[in-house]
Amino acid sequence: MEHLNEFNQELLADIREESAVSGLDAQDLAFERMCSTLEAEGELETSDRIKYRGAASGKTLRIDGHGGDPRDAEGILSVVVCELFEDDAPVSVNAADVKKLFGHLINFVAACRRREFRDQLPLGTPEFGTATMIAEAWPAVSKVKLILVTNGAYNARTDAVLAGKIDDIPVTYNIWDLGRLHRV
């Protein structure tokens, strides 16, 4: 556990230092850093930052990024939620926390398929572009992959688990927590 504490402290120190020098948001830097690991490991082809939080039809929506157009990724729509904890000691993340985060991500994907949701997004924003891409690419989607990247310590060991379906399209989830990031 001590090596995870050290890894987390080094990660946070690097992010804080880069944020101070560049003026960029720590959450954005964490997303870029953790998703670059996913790209190197073949989990994502690319990682595009979005950072959208909102509500539609009484549901909470959230997305922090995606893995590009599913039409260029064998029909796989990869969507990402990134959770950065500022604590020096790794924060424990449980199954209920993960289920909630992935629920917000699923809500975003489902909302993107509705024109009324897309029409209320500001033109030219990353969330508008992503929502439009998801809606237009949906006929080519064969799988939705939900990905959590976090410097938290997930206390269950599950990965690439079938999490249900959206209109007969299988949905899986993958968790890249501090321990998994440290191992690679």
N, C-alpha and C. Protein backbone atom coordinates (compact mmCIF):
# COMPACT_ATOMS: atom_id res chain seq x y z
N MET A 1 0.83 -1.21 0.00
CA MET A 1 0.00 0.00 0.00
C MET A 1 0.86 1.26 0.00
N GLU A 2 2.05 1.14 0.61
CA GLU A 2 2.94 2.30 0.69
C GLU A 2 3.35 2.78 -0.71
N HIS A 3 3.58 1.83 -1.63
CA HIS A 3 3.97 2.21 -2.99
C HIS A 3 2.84 2.96 -3.70
N LEU A 4 1.58 2.62 -3.38
CA LEU A 4 0.44 3.36 -3.97
C LEU A 4 0.37 4.77 -3.41
N ASN A 5 0.65 4.91 -2.11
CA ASN A 5 0.67 6.25 -1.51
C ASN A 5 1.72 7.12 -2.20
N GLU A 6 2.91 6.56 -2.40
CA GLU A 6 3.99 7.31 -3.03
C GLU A 6 3.62 7.65 -4.48
N PHE A 7 3.08 6.68 -5.20
CA PHE A 7 2.68 6.91 -6.59
C PHE A 7 1.64 8.02 -6.68
N ASN A 8 0.64 7.98 -5.78
CA ASN A 8 -0.41 9.01 -5.76
C ASN A 8 0.18 10.38 -5.44
N GLN A 9 1.06 10.44 -4.47
CA GLN A 9 1.68 11.72 -4.10
C GLN A 9 2.51 12.29 -5.25
N GLU A 10 3.24 11.41 -5.96
CA GLU A 10 4.04 11.86 -7.10
C GLU A 10 3.13 12.35 -8.23
N LEU A 11 2.06 11.61 -8.50
CA LEU A 11 1.10 11.99 -9.52
C LEU A 11 0.51 13.36 -9.22
N LEU A 12 0.04 13.54 -7.99
CA LEU A 12 -0.57 14.82 -7.60
C LEU A 12 0.45 15.95 -7.64
N ALA A 13 1.67 15.69 -7.18
CA ALA A 13 2.71 16.73 -7.20
C ALA A 13 3.00 17.16 -8.63
N ASP A 14 3.11 16.18 -9.55
CA ASP A 14 3.35 16.50 -10.96
C ASP A 14 2.21 17.33 -11.54
N ILE A 15 0.98 16.92 -11.25
CA ILE A 15 -0.19 17.64 -11.77
C ILE A 15 -0.25 19.05 -11.20
N ARG A 16 -0.02 19.18 -9.89
CA ARG A 16 -0.06 20.51 -9.26
C ARG A 16 1.02 21.42 -9.83
N GLU A 17 2.21 20.88 -10.01
CA GLU A 17 3.32 21.67 -10.54
C GLU A 17 3.03 22.12 -11.97
N GLU A 18 2.57 21.18 -12.80
CA GLU A 18 2.25 21.53 -14.18
C GLU A 18 1.11 22.55 -14.24
N SER A 19 0.14 22.40 -13.34
CA SER A 19 -0.98 23.34 -13.29
C SER A 19 -0.49 24.74 -12.92
N ALA A 20 0.41 24.81 -11.95
CA ALA A 20 0.94 26.11 -11.51
C ALA A 20 1.74 26.78 -12.63
N VAL A 21 2.52 26.00 -13.36
CA VAL A 21 3.37 26.53 -14.43
C VAL A 21 2.54 26.92 -15.65
N SER A 22 1.60 26.03 -16.03
CA SER A 22 0.86 26.23 -17.29
C SER A 22 -0.42 27.04 -17.12
N GLY A 23 -0.94 27.06 -15.88
CA GLY A 23 -2.22 27.71 -15.64
C GLY A 23 -3.41 26.85 -16.03
N LEU A 24 -3.15 25.62 -16.45
CA LEU A 24 -4.22 24.70 -16.83
C LEU A 24 -4.86 24.07 -15.60
N ASP A 25 -6.11 23.70 -15.74
CA ASP A 25 -6.88 23.09 -14.67
C ASP A 25 -6.32 21.71 -14.32
N ALA A 26 -6.22 21.41 -13.02
CA ALA A 26 -5.68 20.14 -12.56
C ALA A 26 -6.51 18.95 -13.06
N GLN A 27 -7.83 19.12 -13.12
CA GLN A 27 -8.69 18.04 -13.63
C GLN A 27 -8.38 17.75 -15.10
N ASP A 28 -8.15 18.80 -15.89
CA ASP A 28 -7.81 18.61 -17.31
C ASP A 28 -6.48 17.89 -17.45
N LEU A 29 -5.50 18.30 -16.65
CA LEU A 29 -4.19 17.67 -16.69
C LEU A 29 -4.25 16.21 -16.25
N ALA A 30 -5.07 15.92 -15.23
CA ALA A 30 -5.23 14.53 -14.77
C ALA A 30 -5.85 13.68 -15.88
N PHE A 31 -6.87 14.24 -16.55
CA PHE A 31 -7.49 13.51 -17.65
C PHE A 31 -6.45 13.18 -18.73
N GLU A 32 -5.70 14.19 -19.14
CA GLU A 32 -4.70 13.99 -20.20
C GLU A 32 -3.66 12.96 -19.78
N ARG A 33 -3.18 13.07 -18.57
CA ARG A 33 -2.13 12.16 -18.11
C ARG A 33 -2.63 10.73 -18.01
N MET A 34 -3.79 10.53 -17.37
CA MET A 34 -4.30 9.18 -17.18
C MET A 34 -4.76 8.57 -18.50
N CYS A 35 -5.37 9.36 -19.35
CA CYS A 35 -5.85 8.82 -20.63
C CYS A 35 -4.69 8.53 -21.58
N SER A 36 -3.57 9.23 -21.44
CA SER A 36 -2.42 8.89 -22.28
C SER A 36 -1.93 7.49 -21.93
N THR A 37 -2.06 7.09 -20.68
CA THR A 37 -1.72 5.72 -20.28
C THR A 37 -2.67 4.73 -20.95
N LEU A 38 -3.96 5.07 -21.00
CA LEU A 38 -4.94 4.19 -21.65
C LEU A 38 -4.65 4.07 -23.14
N GLU A 39 -4.23 5.15 -23.76
CA GLU A 39 -3.87 5.09 -25.17
C GLU A 39 -2.65 4.19 -25.37
N ALA A 40 -1.65 4.34 -24.52
CA ALA A 40 -0.44 3.53 -24.63
C ALA A 40 -0.74 2.04 -24.42
N GLU A 41 -1.75 1.75 -23.60
CA GLU A 41 -2.11 0.36 -23.32
C GLU A 41 -3.14 -0.20 -24.29
N GLY A 42 -3.59 0.62 -25.25
CA GLY A 42 -4.53 0.15 -26.24
C GLY A 42 -5.99 0.15 -25.80
N GLU A 43 -6.27 0.72 -24.64
CA GLU A 43 -7.65 0.82 -24.15
C GLU A 43 -8.43 1.85 -24.97
N LEU A 44 -7.75 2.91 -25.35
CA LEU A 44 -8.34 3.97 -26.18
C LEU A 44 -7.44 4.22 -27.38
N GLU A 45 -8.07 4.55 -28.51
CA GLU A 45 -7.29 4.94 -29.69
C GLU A 45 -6.81 6.38 -29.54
N THR A 46 -7.69 7.21 -28.99
CA THR A 46 -7.42 8.62 -28.77
C THR A 46 -8.23 9.04 -27.55
N SER A 47 -7.96 10.21 -27.01
CA SER A 47 -8.77 10.69 -25.90
C SER A 47 -9.05 12.18 -26.09
N ASP A 48 -10.32 12.48 -26.22
CA ASP A 48 -10.75 13.86 -26.41
C ASP A 48 -11.46 14.34 -25.15
N ARG A 49 -11.03 15.46 -24.61
CA ARG A 49 -11.57 16.02 -23.38
C ARG A 49 -12.86 16.76 -23.67
N ILE A 50 -13.86 16.57 -22.78
CA ILE A 50 -15.13 17.26 -22.95
C ILE A 50 -15.51 18.07 -21.71
N LYS A 51 -15.59 17.42 -20.57
CA LYS A 51 -15.94 18.07 -19.30
C LYS A 51 -17.34 18.68 -19.33
N TYR A 52 -18.33 17.81 -19.39
CA TYR A 52 -19.73 18.26 -19.37
C TYR A 52 -20.45 17.68 -18.17
N ARG A 53 -21.18 18.55 -17.47
CA ARG A 53 -22.06 18.14 -16.38
C ARG A 53 -23.37 18.87 -16.58
N GLY A 54 -24.46 18.15 -16.45
CA GLY A 54 -25.75 18.78 -16.66
C GLY A 54 -26.86 17.84 -16.27
N ALA A 55 -28.06 18.18 -16.70
CA ALA A 55 -29.23 17.36 -16.42
C ALA A 55 -30.16 17.41 -17.63
N ALA A 56 -30.88 16.32 -17.82
CA ALA A 56 -31.89 16.25 -18.88
C ALA A 56 -32.90 15.20 -18.47
N SER A 57 -34.15 15.52 -18.66
CA SER A 57 -35.24 14.59 -18.32
C SER A 57 -35.14 14.12 -16.87
N GLY A 58 -34.71 15.01 -15.99
CA GLY A 58 -34.62 14.70 -14.57
C GLY A 58 -33.45 13.80 -14.19
N LYS A 59 -32.51 13.59 -15.10
CA LYS A 59 -31.36 12.72 -14.83
C LYS A 59 -30.07 13.53 -14.89
N THR A 60 -29.12 13.13 -14.05
CA THR A 60 -27.81 13.77 -14.04
C THR A 60 -26.97 13.20 -15.17
N LEU A 61 -26.31 14.10 -15.90
CA LEU A 61 -25.47 13.71 -17.02
C LEU A 61 -24.03 14.14 -16.73
N ARG A 62 -23.10 13.30 -17.15
CA ARG A 62 -21.69 13.66 -16.99
C ARG A 62 -20.86 12.90 -18.02
N ILE A 63 -19.89 13.59 -18.58
CA ILE A 63 -18.88 12.97 -19.43
C ILE A 63 -17.63 13.83 -19.30
N ASP A 64 -16.48 13.17 -19.26
CA ASP A 64 -15.22 13.89 -19.19
C ASP A 64 -14.40 13.74 -20.45
N GLY A 65 -14.77 12.77 -21.30
CA GLY A 65 -14.05 12.60 -22.55
C GLY A 65 -14.55 11.39 -23.30
N HIS A 66 -14.00 11.21 -24.49
CA HIS A 66 -14.37 10.04 -25.29
C HIS A 66 -13.16 9.58 -26.09
N GLY A 67 -13.28 8.39 -26.64
CA GLY A 67 -12.18 7.77 -27.37
C GLY A 67 -12.30 7.90 -28.87
N GLY A 68 -12.93 8.95 -29.34
CA GLY A 68 -13.04 9.17 -30.77
C GLY A 68 -14.33 8.63 -31.35
N ASP A 69 -14.44 8.74 -32.64
CA ASP A 69 -15.64 8.33 -33.38
C ASP A 69 -15.70 6.81 -33.47
N PRO A 70 -16.80 6.21 -33.04
CA PRO A 70 -16.90 4.74 -33.09
C PRO A 70 -16.85 4.18 -34.52
N ARG A 71 -17.14 5.02 -35.50
CA ARG A 71 -17.06 4.57 -36.90
C ARG A 71 -15.61 4.32 -37.31
N ASP A 72 -14.67 4.89 -36.53
CA ASP A 72 -13.24 4.68 -36.78
C ASP A 72 -12.63 3.70 -35.79
N ALA A 73 -13.47 3.10 -34.93
CA ALA A 73 -12.98 2.22 -33.86
C ALA A 73 -13.76 0.91 -33.81
N GLU A 74 -14.01 0.34 -34.98
CA GLU A 74 -14.70 -0.95 -35.07
C GLU A 74 -16.06 -0.95 -34.38
N GLY A 75 -16.73 0.22 -34.37
CA GLY A 75 -18.06 0.31 -33.79
C GLY A 75 -18.10 0.46 -32.28
N ILE A 76 -16.94 0.67 -31.66
CA ILE A 76 -16.90 0.79 -30.20
C ILE A 76 -16.93 2.27 -29.81
N LEU A 77 -17.97 2.64 -29.07
CA LEU A 77 -18.09 3.99 -28.52
C LEU A 77 -17.51 3.96 -27.11
N SER A 78 -16.36 4.60 -26.94
CA SER A 78 -15.70 4.66 -25.63
C SER A 78 -15.95 6.03 -25.03
N VAL A 79 -16.55 6.05 -23.84
CA VAL A 79 -16.80 7.30 -23.14
C VAL A 79 -16.13 7.22 -21.77
N VAL A 80 -15.61 8.36 -21.32
CA VAL A 80 -14.74 8.39 -20.16
C VAL A 80 -15.27 9.34 -19.09
N VAL A 81 -15.17 8.88 -17.85
CA VAL A 81 -15.37 9.75 -16.70
C VAL A 81 -14.06 9.70 -15.91
N CYS A 82 -13.58 10.88 -15.50
CA CYS A 82 -12.30 11.00 -14.81
C CYS A 82 -12.53 11.60 -13.43
N GLU A 83 -12.08 10.91 -12.42
CA GLU A 83 -12.28 11.36 -11.04
C GLU A 83 -10.91 11.55 -10.38
N LEU A 84 -10.53 12.81 -10.16
CA LEU A 84 -9.27 13.13 -9.49
C LEU A 84 -9.55 13.52 -8.06
N PHE A 85 -8.89 12.83 -7.14
CA PHE A 85 -8.99 13.16 -5.72
C PHE A 85 -7.71 13.88 -5.31
N GLU A 86 -7.86 14.97 -4.57
CA GLU A 86 -6.71 15.80 -4.19
C GLU A 86 -6.01 15.31 -2.92
N ASP A 87 -6.53 14.27 -2.27
CA ASP A 87 -5.94 13.75 -1.04
C ASP A 87 -4.61 13.06 -1.33
N ASP A 88 -3.63 13.25 -0.45
CA ASP A 88 -2.33 12.60 -0.63
C ASP A 88 -2.43 11.08 -0.50
N ALA A 89 -3.30 10.63 0.40
CA ALA A 89 -3.53 9.19 0.55
C ALA A 89 -4.64 8.79 -0.42
N PRO A 90 -4.50 7.66 -1.11
CA PRO A 90 -5.53 7.23 -2.06
C PRO A 90 -6.91 7.11 -1.41
N VAL A 91 -7.90 7.68 -2.07
CA VAL A 91 -9.28 7.62 -1.60
C VAL A 91 -9.88 6.30 -2.07
N SER A 92 -10.60 5.64 -1.20
CA SER A 92 -11.26 4.38 -1.56
C SER A 92 -12.50 4.66 -2.39
N VAL A 93 -12.64 3.94 -3.49
CA VAL A 93 -13.80 4.06 -4.36
C VAL A 93 -14.50 2.71 -4.36
N ASN A 94 -15.80 2.70 -4.03
CA ASN A 94 -16.51 1.43 -3.95
C ASN A 94 -17.44 1.23 -5.14
N ALA A 95 -18.06 0.08 -5.19
CA ALA A 95 -18.93 -0.27 -6.31
C ALA A 95 -20.10 0.70 -6.47
N ALA A 96 -20.64 1.20 -5.37
CA ALA A 96 -21.75 2.16 -5.44
C ALA A 96 -21.30 3.47 -6.08
N ASP A 97 -20.08 3.93 -5.74
CA ASP A 97 -19.53 5.15 -6.34
C ASP A 97 -19.39 4.98 -7.85
N VAL A 98 -18.86 3.84 -8.25
CA VAL A 98 -18.63 3.55 -9.67
C VAL A 98 -19.96 3.45 -10.41
N LYS A 99 -20.92 2.78 -9.81
CA LYS A 99 -22.24 2.63 -10.44
C LYS A 99 -22.87 4.01 -10.69
N LYS A 100 -22.73 4.91 -9.73
CA LYS A 100 -23.29 6.25 -9.87
C LYS A 100 -22.60 7.01 -11.01
N LEU A 101 -21.26 6.97 -11.05
CA LEU A 101 -20.51 7.66 -12.11
C LEU A 101 -20.87 7.10 -13.48
N PHE A 102 -20.93 5.78 -13.60
CA PHE A 102 -21.27 5.17 -14.88
C PHE A 102 -22.73 5.45 -15.25
N GLY A 103 -23.60 5.58 -14.27
CA GLY A 103 -24.99 5.94 -14.54
C GLY A 103 -25.09 7.31 -15.18
N HIS A 104 -24.30 8.26 -14.70
CA HIS A 104 -24.30 9.61 -15.27
C HIS A 104 -23.76 9.59 -16.71
N LEU A 105 -22.79 8.73 -16.95
CA LEU A 105 -22.21 8.58 -18.29
C LEU A 105 -23.23 7.96 -19.25
N ILE A 106 -23.92 6.93 -18.80
CA ILE A 106 -24.98 6.30 -19.61
C ILE A 106 -26.08 7.31 -19.92
N ASN A 107 -26.44 8.12 -18.92
CA ASN A 107 -27.46 9.14 -19.13
C ASN A 107 -27.04 10.13 -20.22
N PHE A 108 -25.74 10.48 -20.24
CA PHE A 108 -25.26 11.39 -21.28
C PHE A 108 -25.39 10.75 -22.65
N VAL A 109 -24.94 9.50 -22.78
CA VAL A 109 -25.02 8.81 -24.07
C VAL A 109 -26.47 8.72 -24.54
N ALA A 110 -27.37 8.36 -23.64
CA ALA A 110 -28.79 8.24 -23.99
C ALA A 110 -29.36 9.60 -24.41
N ALA A 111 -28.99 10.67 -23.69
CA ALA A 111 -29.50 12.00 -24.01
C ALA A 111 -29.00 12.47 -25.38
N CYS A 112 -27.79 12.11 -25.74
CA CYS A 112 -27.22 12.53 -27.02
C CYS A 112 -28.05 12.06 -28.20
N ARG A 113 -28.76 11.00 -28.02
CA ARG A 113 -29.54 10.43 -29.11
C ARG A 113 -30.86 11.16 -29.31
N ARG A 114 -31.19 12.09 -28.38
CA ARG A 114 -32.43 12.87 -28.49
C ARG A 114 -32.12 14.26 -29.05
N ARG A 115 -32.80 14.62 -30.13
CA ARG A 115 -32.59 15.91 -30.78
C ARG A 115 -32.81 17.08 -29.82
N GLU A 116 -33.84 17.01 -28.97
CA GLU A 116 -34.13 18.13 -28.07
C GLU A 116 -32.96 18.40 -27.12
N PHE A 117 -32.24 17.36 -26.73
CA PHE A 117 -31.06 17.56 -25.88
C PHE A 117 -29.95 18.24 -26.68
N ARG A 118 -29.67 17.70 -27.85
CA ARG A 118 -28.60 18.28 -28.68
C ARG A 118 -28.89 19.72 -29.05
N ASP A 119 -30.17 20.03 -29.32
CA ASP A 119 -30.55 21.39 -29.71
C ASP A 119 -30.33 22.42 -28.61
N GLN A 120 -30.32 21.98 -27.35
CA GLN A 120 -30.12 22.96 -26.27
C GLN A 120 -28.64 23.15 -25.91
N LEU A 121 -27.75 22.38 -26.53
CA LEU A 121 -26.32 22.55 -26.27
C LEU A 121 -25.78 23.70 -27.13
N PRO A 122 -24.88 24.51 -26.59
CA PRO A 122 -24.33 25.62 -27.36
C PRO A 122 -23.52 25.12 -28.56
N LEU A 123 -23.81 25.67 -29.73
CA LEU A 123 -23.09 25.31 -30.95
C LEU A 123 -21.60 25.57 -30.78
N GLY A 124 -20.80 24.69 -31.35
CA GLY A 124 -19.35 24.89 -31.32
C GLY A 124 -18.66 24.44 -30.06
N THR A 125 -19.41 23.94 -29.07
CA THR A 125 -18.79 23.47 -27.84
C THR A 125 -18.41 22.00 -27.98
N PRO A 126 -17.45 21.53 -27.17
CA PRO A 126 -17.08 20.12 -27.22
C PRO A 126 -18.27 19.18 -26.94
N GLU A 127 -19.14 19.58 -26.02
CA GLU A 127 -20.29 18.71 -25.71
C GLU A 127 -21.26 18.63 -26.88
N PHE A 128 -21.44 19.74 -27.61
CA PHE A 128 -22.30 19.71 -28.80
C PHE A 128 -21.69 18.79 -29.86
N GLY A 129 -20.39 18.94 -30.10
CA GLY A 129 -19.71 18.10 -31.08
C GLY A 129 -19.78 16.63 -30.72
N THR A 130 -19.59 16.31 -29.45
CA THR A 130 -19.64 14.92 -29.00
C THR A 130 -21.05 14.37 -29.12
N ALA A 131 -22.03 15.15 -28.68
CA ALA A 131 -23.43 14.69 -28.76
C ALA A 131 -23.83 14.43 -30.21
N THR A 132 -23.43 15.32 -31.10
CA THR A 132 -23.74 15.15 -32.52
C THR A 132 -23.05 13.92 -33.08
N MET A 133 -21.77 13.73 -32.73
CA MET A 133 -21.02 12.57 -33.19
C MET A 133 -21.68 11.28 -32.72
N ILE A 134 -22.09 11.23 -31.45
CA ILE A 134 -22.74 10.02 -30.91
C ILE A 134 -24.04 9.75 -31.65
N ALA A 135 -24.84 10.79 -31.86
CA ALA A 135 -26.13 10.61 -32.54
C ALA A 135 -25.93 10.13 -33.97
N GLU A 136 -25.00 10.75 -34.67
CA GLU A 136 -24.78 10.39 -36.07
C GLU A 136 -24.13 9.01 -36.22
N ALA A 137 -23.27 8.65 -35.28
CA ALA A 137 -22.56 7.37 -35.35
C ALA A 137 -23.36 6.21 -34.78
N TRP A 138 -24.46 6.50 -34.07
CA TRP A 138 -25.18 5.45 -33.35
C TRP A 138 -25.52 4.23 -34.20
N PRO A 139 -25.96 4.37 -35.45
CA PRO A 139 -26.26 3.17 -36.24
C PRO A 139 -25.05 2.24 -36.43
N ALA A 140 -23.84 2.78 -36.32
CA ALA A 140 -22.63 1.98 -36.49
C ALA A 140 -22.09 1.43 -35.17
N VAL A 141 -22.68 1.83 -34.04
CA VAL A 141 -22.18 1.41 -32.73
C VAL A 141 -22.56 -0.04 -32.46
N SER A 142 -21.56 -0.85 -32.13
CA SER A 142 -21.79 -2.25 -31.79
C SER A 142 -21.56 -2.51 -30.31
N LYS A 143 -20.89 -1.55 -29.63
CA LYS A 143 -20.61 -1.71 -28.20
C LYS A 143 -20.33 -0.33 -27.60
N VAL A 144 -20.81 -0.13 -26.37
CA VAL A 144 -20.50 1.09 -25.63
C VAL A 144 -19.58 0.68 -24.48
N LYS A 145 -18.43 1.33 -24.42
CA LYS A 145 -17.45 1.03 -23.38
C LYS A 145 -17.36 2.23 -22.45
N LEU A 146 -17.79 2.04 -21.21
CA LEU A 146 -17.70 3.07 -20.18
C LEU A 146 -16.35 2.89 -19.48
N ILE A 147 -15.61 3.98 -19.34
CA ILE A 147 -14.29 3.90 -18.72
C ILE A 147 -14.20 4.92 -17.59
N LEU A 148 -13.77 4.45 -16.43
CA LEU A 148 -13.46 5.32 -15.30
C LEU A 148 -11.95 5.35 -15.13
N VAL A 149 -11.37 6.55 -15.15
CA VAL A 149 -9.97 6.72 -14.79
C VAL A 149 -9.94 7.56 -13.52
N THR A 150 -9.18 7.08 -12.54
CA THR A 150 -9.17 7.76 -11.25
C THR A 150 -7.88 7.48 -10.49
N ASN A 151 -7.52 8.41 -9.63
CA ASN A 151 -6.42 8.15 -8.72
C ASN A 151 -6.96 7.61 -7.40
N GLY A 152 -8.23 7.23 -7.39
CA GLY A 152 -8.80 6.53 -6.24
C GLY A 152 -8.42 5.06 -6.30
N ALA A 153 -8.63 4.38 -5.19
CA ALA A 153 -8.33 2.94 -5.11
C ALA A 153 -9.65 2.18 -5.11
N TYR A 154 -9.94 1.53 -6.22
CA TYR A 154 -11.19 0.76 -6.36
C TYR A 154 -11.05 -0.52 -5.56
N ASN A 155 -12.02 -0.78 -4.70
CA ASN A 155 -11.88 -1.90 -3.78
C ASN A 155 -12.51 -3.20 -4.26
N ALA A 156 -12.93 -3.25 -5.51
CA ALA A 156 -13.42 -4.50 -6.10
C ALA A 156 -12.57 -4.78 -7.33
N ARG A 157 -12.49 -6.00 -7.71
CA ARG A 157 -11.64 -6.35 -8.86
C ARG A 157 -12.49 -6.86 -10.01
N THR A 158 -13.11 -5.95 -10.71
CA THR A 158 -13.89 -6.31 -11.88
C THR A 158 -13.47 -5.41 -13.02
N ASP A 159 -13.50 -5.96 -14.22
CA ASP A 159 -13.13 -5.15 -15.37
C ASP A 159 -13.79 -5.73 -16.60
N ALA A 160 -14.09 -4.86 -17.54
CA ALA A 160 -14.74 -5.23 -18.80
C ALA A 160 -16.00 -6.05 -18.53
N VAL A 161 -16.74 -5.65 -17.53
CA VAL A 161 -17.95 -6.35 -17.13
C VAL A 161 -19.13 -5.84 -17.96
N LEU A 162 -19.99 -6.74 -18.39
CA LEU A 162 -21.20 -6.35 -19.09
C LEU A 162 -22.10 -5.61 -18.10
N ALA A 163 -22.46 -4.38 -18.46
CA ALA A 163 -23.23 -3.53 -17.55
C ALA A 163 -24.64 -3.30 -18.04
N GLY A 164 -25.09 -4.09 -18.98
CA GLY A 164 -26.45 -3.92 -19.50
C GLY A 164 -26.42 -3.58 -20.97
N LYS A 165 -27.50 -2.97 -21.43
CA LYS A 165 -27.62 -2.64 -22.84
C LYS A 165 -28.32 -1.29 -23.00
N ILE A 166 -28.00 -0.62 -24.09
CA ILE A 166 -28.73 0.57 -24.52
C ILE A 166 -29.27 0.20 -25.90
N ASP A 167 -30.58 0.04 -26.00
CA ASP A 167 -31.21 -0.36 -27.27
C ASP A 167 -30.51 -1.56 -27.91
N ASP A 168 -30.36 -2.61 -27.15
CA ASP A 168 -29.73 -3.86 -27.62
C ASP A 168 -28.24 -3.76 -27.92
N ILE A 169 -27.62 -2.63 -27.62
CA ILE A 169 -26.17 -2.47 -27.78
C ILE A 169 -25.54 -2.80 -26.42
N PRO A 170 -24.62 -3.78 -26.36
CA PRO A 170 -24.00 -4.12 -25.07
C PRO A 170 -23.16 -2.97 -24.52
N VAL A 171 -23.23 -2.82 -23.22
CA VAL A 171 -22.48 -1.78 -22.51
C VAL A 171 -21.56 -2.49 -21.52
N THR A 172 -20.25 -2.18 -21.61
CA THR A 172 -19.29 -2.73 -20.66
C THR A 172 -18.67 -1.59 -19.88
N TYR A 173 -18.06 -1.93 -18.74
CA TYR A 173 -17.32 -0.90 -18.03
C TYR A 173 -15.93 -1.39 -17.69
N ASN A 174 -15.00 -0.45 -17.73
CA ASN A 174 -13.61 -0.69 -17.43
C ASN A 174 -13.17 0.34 -16.41
N ILE A 175 -12.44 -0.11 -15.41
CA ILE A 175 -12.00 0.78 -14.34
C ILE A 175 -10.47 0.81 -14.31
N TRP A 176 -9.95 2.01 -14.46
CA TRP A 176 -8.51 2.23 -14.35
C TRP A 176 -8.27 3.08 -13.11
N ASP A 177 -8.04 2.38 -12.00
CA ASP A 177 -7.83 3.07 -10.73
C ASP A 177 -6.31 3.25 -10.48
N LEU A 178 -5.99 3.78 -9.34
CA LEU A 178 -4.60 4.08 -9.01
C LEU A 178 -3.72 2.84 -9.10
N GLY A 179 -4.21 1.73 -8.57
CA GLY A 179 -3.42 0.49 -8.59
C GLY A 179 -3.15 0.02 -10.00
N ARG A 180 -4.16 0.05 -10.84
CA ARG A 180 -4.00 -0.40 -12.23
C ARG A 180 -3.09 0.54 -13.00
N LEU A 181 -3.24 1.84 -12.79
CA LEU A 181 -2.36 2.80 -13.45
C LEU A 181 -0.91 2.61 -12.99
N HIS A 182 -0.73 2.32 -11.71
CA HIS A 182 0.62 2.10 -11.16
C HIS A 182 1.25 0.85 -11.76
N ARG A 183 0.46 -0.19 -11.96
CA ARG A 183 1.00 -1.44 -12.51
C ARG A 183 1.53 -1.27 -13.93
N VAL A 184 0.93 -0.36 -14.70
CA VAL A 184 1.41 -0.17 -16.07
C VAL A 184 2.39 0.99 -16.12
